[in-house]
């Protein structure tokens, strides 16, 4: 199974309401605090989030100088919400919102 970030990269080619079903199931399980799903995230919350907001970003490669001086491979710019609403989670109780981010690559 490909990594979640790879899956999200491909999912980002779709727009709401045509988002993949697996992503909706991912959000559902994230909201329920499924430990296997939470382990896919870089920052694992102690409890399910109370709010989910899904954002979309446009990614471009950084300049070689930025990589050398700042260690940054990518520049990113907020495109907007991938899902045009915030999901309030009845199972949640976490203080920090969890934001699965979708990256878009900019065609040059």
C-alpha atoms as a PDB file:
ATOM      1  CA  UNK A   1       0.000   0.000   0.000  1.00  0.00           C
ATOM      2  CA  UNK A   2       1.507   3.370  -0.964  1.00  0.00           C
ATOM      3  CA  UNK A   3       2.196   5.920   1.736  1.00  0.00           C
ATOM      4  CA  UNK A   4      -0.628   8.233   2.778  1.00  0.00           C
ATOM      5  CA  UNK A   5       1.137  11.344   1.445  1.00  0.00           C
ATOM      6  CA  UNK A   6       1.418   9.684  -1.983  1.00  0.00           C
ATOM      7  CA  UNK A   7      -2.266   8.755  -1.879  1.00  0.00           C
ATOM      8  CA  UNK A   8      -3.187  12.329  -0.919  1.00  0.00           C
ATOM      9  CA  UNK A   9      -1.106  13.732  -3.755  1.00  0.00           C
ATOM     10  CA  UNK A  10      -3.217  11.795  -6.260  1.00  0.00           C
ATOM     11  CA  UNK A  11      -6.463  12.557  -4.441  1.00  0.00           C
ATOM     12  CA  UNK A  12      -5.686  16.267  -4.801  1.00  0.00           C
ATOM     13  CA  UNK A  13      -6.318  16.015  -8.540  1.00  0.00           C
ATOM     14  CA  UNK A  14     -10.000  15.695  -7.672  1.00  0.00           C
ATOM     15  CA  UNK A  15     -12.120  18.550  -6.375  1.00  0.00           C
ATOM     16  CA  UNK A  16     -15.098  18.593  -4.079  1.00  0.00           C
ATOM     17  CA  UNK A  17     -17.552  16.869  -4.282  1.00  0.00           C
ATOM     18  CA  UNK A  18     -15.597  14.295  -6.348  1.00  0.00           C
ATOM     19  CA  UNK A  19     -13.098  13.394  -3.656  1.00  0.00           C
ATOM     20  CA  UNK A  20     -12.102   9.725  -3.269  1.00  0.00           C
ATOM     21  CA  UNK A  21     -14.168   7.530  -0.976  1.00  0.00           C
ATOM     22  CA  UNK A  22     -11.059   6.251   0.761  1.00  0.00           C
ATOM     23  CA  UNK A  23     -10.340   9.805   1.931  1.00  0.00           C
ATOM     24  CA  UNK A  24     -13.792  10.165   3.459  1.00  0.00           C
ATOM     25  CA  UNK A  25     -13.240   6.864   5.274  1.00  0.00           C
ATOM     26  CA  UNK A  26      -9.812   8.159   6.354  1.00  0.00           C
ATOM     27  CA  UNK A  27     -11.440  11.269   7.873  1.00  0.00           C
ATOM     28  CA  UNK A  28     -14.102   9.144   9.563  1.00  0.00           C
ATOM     29  CA  UNK A  29     -11.505   6.855  11.143  1.00  0.00           C
ATOM     30  CA  UNK A  30      -9.317   9.824  12.049  1.00  0.00           C
ATOM     31  CA  UNK A  31     -12.289  11.355  13.854  1.00  0.00           C
ATOM     32  CA  UNK A  32     -12.974   8.110  15.698  1.00  0.00           C
ATOM     33  CA  UNK A  33      -9.377   7.958  16.900  1.00  0.00           C
ATOM     34  CA  UNK A  34      -8.423   4.777  15.021  1.00  0.00           C
ATOM     35  CA  UNK A  35      -4.842   4.198  16.185  1.00  0.00           C
ATOM     36  CA  UNK A  36      -3.746   2.694  12.857  1.00  0.00           C
ATOM     37  CA  UNK A  37      -5.022   5.766  11.013  1.00  0.00           C
ATOM     38  CA  UNK A  38      -3.538   8.181  13.541  1.00  0.00           C
ATOM     39  CA  UNK A  39      -0.161   6.449  13.115  1.00  0.00           C
ATOM     40  CA  UNK A  40      -0.140   7.553   9.464  1.00  0.00           C
ATOM     41  CA  UNK A  41       0.193  11.200  10.542  1.00  0.00           C
ATOM     42  CA  UNK A  42       3.426  12.976  11.351  1.00  0.00           C
ATOM     43  CA  UNK A  43       2.004  14.447  14.570  1.00  0.00           C
ATOM     44  CA  UNK A  44      -0.166  11.936  16.410  1.00  0.00           C
ATOM     45  CA  UNK A  45      -2.724  13.577  18.721  1.00  0.00           C
ATOM     46  CA  UNK A  46      -3.450  12.068  22.149  1.00  0.00           C
ATOM     47  CA  UNK A  47      -7.170  11.854  21.366  1.00  0.00           C
ATOM     48  CA  UNK A  48      -9.426  12.277  18.348  1.00  0.00           C
ATOM     49  CA  UNK A  49      -9.619  15.856  17.041  1.00  0.00           C
ATOM     50  CA  UNK A  50     -12.774  17.847  17.740  1.00  0.00           C
ATOM     51  CA  UNK A  51     -12.564  19.608  14.371  1.00  0.00           C
ATOM     52  CA  UNK A  52     -11.209  18.550  10.959  1.00  0.00           C
ATOM     53  CA  UNK A  53     -10.301  21.099   8.318  1.00  0.00           C
ATOM     54  CA  UNK A  54      -8.795  19.903   5.032  1.00  0.00           C
ATOM     55  CA  UNK A  55      -6.618  22.398   3.159  1.00  0.00           C
ATOM     56  CA  UNK A  56      -5.051  22.320  -0.276  1.00  0.00           C
ATOM     57  CA  UNK A  57      -1.583  23.698  -1.048  1.00  0.00           C
ATOM     58  CA  UNK A  58       0.333  24.352  -4.240  1.00  0.00           C
ATOM     59  CA  UNK A  59       3.901  23.016  -3.986  1.00  0.00           C
ATOM     60  CA  UNK A  60       6.910  24.022  -6.078  1.00  0.00           C
ATOM     61  CA  UNK A  61      10.560  23.050  -5.752  1.00  0.00           C
ATOM     62  CA  UNK A  62      12.668  25.496  -3.798  1.00  0.00           C
ATOM     63  CA  UNK A  63      15.666  27.168  -5.403  1.00  0.00           C
ATOM     64  CA  UNK A  64      19.012  25.401  -4.900  1.00  0.00           C
ATOM     65  CA  UNK A  65      20.102  28.262  -2.630  1.00  0.00           C
ATOM     66  CA  UNK A  66      17.093  27.772  -0.355  1.00  0.00           C
ATOM     67  CA  UNK A  67      17.840  24.088  -0.055  1.00  0.00           C
ATOM     68  CA  UNK A  68      21.449  24.822   0.828  1.00  0.00           C
ATOM     69  CA  UNK A  69      20.844  27.668   3.299  1.00  0.00           C
ATOM     70  CA  UNK A  70      17.461  26.726   4.791  1.00  0.00           C
ATOM     71  CA  UNK A  71      17.231  22.996   4.116  1.00  0.00           C
ATOM     72  CA  UNK A  72      13.892  23.497   2.399  1.00  0.00           C
ATOM     73  CA  UNK A  73      13.037  21.273  -0.564  1.00  0.00           C
ATOM     74  CA  UNK A  74       9.600  22.806  -1.219  1.00  0.00           C
ATOM     75  CA  UNK A  75       7.786  26.104  -1.231  1.00  0.00           C
ATOM     76  CA  UNK A  76       4.072  25.921  -0.612  1.00  0.00           C
ATOM     77  CA  UNK A  77       1.198  28.315  -1.138  1.00  0.00           C
ATOM     78  CA  UNK A  78      -2.279  27.893   0.294  1.00  0.00           C
ATOM     79  CA  UNK A  79      -4.847  27.253  -2.455  1.00  0.00           C
ATOM     80  CA  UNK A  80      -7.873  26.963  -0.169  1.00  0.00           C
ATOM     81  CA  UNK A  81     -10.038  24.321   1.401  1.00  0.00           C
ATOM     82  CA  UNK A  82     -10.104  20.888  -0.215  1.00  0.00           C
ATOM     83  CA  UNK A  83     -13.439  20.258   1.472  1.00  0.00           C
ATOM     84  CA  UNK A  84     -15.346  23.576   1.622  1.00  0.00           C
ATOM     85  CA  UNK A  85     -16.499  23.141   5.215  1.00  0.00           C
ATOM     86  CA  UNK A  86     -15.122  22.272   8.630  1.00  0.00           C
ATOM     87  CA  UNK A  87     -16.095  18.890  10.065  1.00  0.00           C
ATOM     88  CA  UNK A  88     -17.099  18.963  13.720  1.00  0.00           C
ATOM     89  CA  UNK A  89     -16.312  15.616  15.265  1.00  0.00           C
ATOM     90  CA  UNK A  90     -18.786  14.210  17.816  1.00  0.00           C
ATOM     91  CA  UNK A  91     -16.126  11.653  18.875  1.00  0.00           C
ATOM     92  CA  UNK A  92     -13.406  14.240  19.358  1.00  0.00           C
ATOM     93  CA  UNK A  93     -12.082  16.105  22.281  1.00  0.00           C
ATOM     94  CA  UNK A  94      -8.647  17.210  21.194  1.00  0.00           C
ATOM     95  CA  UNK A  95      -7.696  20.851  21.549  1.00  0.00           C
ATOM     96  CA  UNK A  96      -5.585  21.030  18.408  1.00  0.00           C
ATOM     97  CA  UNK A  97      -7.259  20.815  14.989  1.00  0.00           C
ATOM     98  CA  UNK A  98      -5.916  18.131  12.685  1.00  0.00           C
ATOM     99  CA  UNK A  99      -5.399  19.327   9.131  1.00  0.00           C
ATOM    100  CA  UNK A 100      -4.608  16.723   6.473  1.00  0.00           C
ATOM    101  CA  UNK A 101      -3.011  18.869   3.760  1.00  0.00           C
ATOM    102  CA  UNK A 102      -3.291  18.189   0.063  1.00  0.00           C
ATOM    103  CA  UNK A 103      -0.432  19.265  -2.168  1.00  0.00           C
ATOM    104  CA  UNK A 104      -0.741  20.315  -5.779  1.00  0.00           C
ATOM    105  CA  UNK A 105       2.236  20.589  -8.051  1.00  0.00           C
ATOM    106  CA  UNK A 106       2.337  23.652 -10.227  1.00  0.00           C
ATOM    107  CA  UNK A 107       2.696  22.976 -13.930  1.00  0.00           C
ATOM    108  CA  UNK A 108       5.544  25.003 -15.358  1.00  0.00           C
END
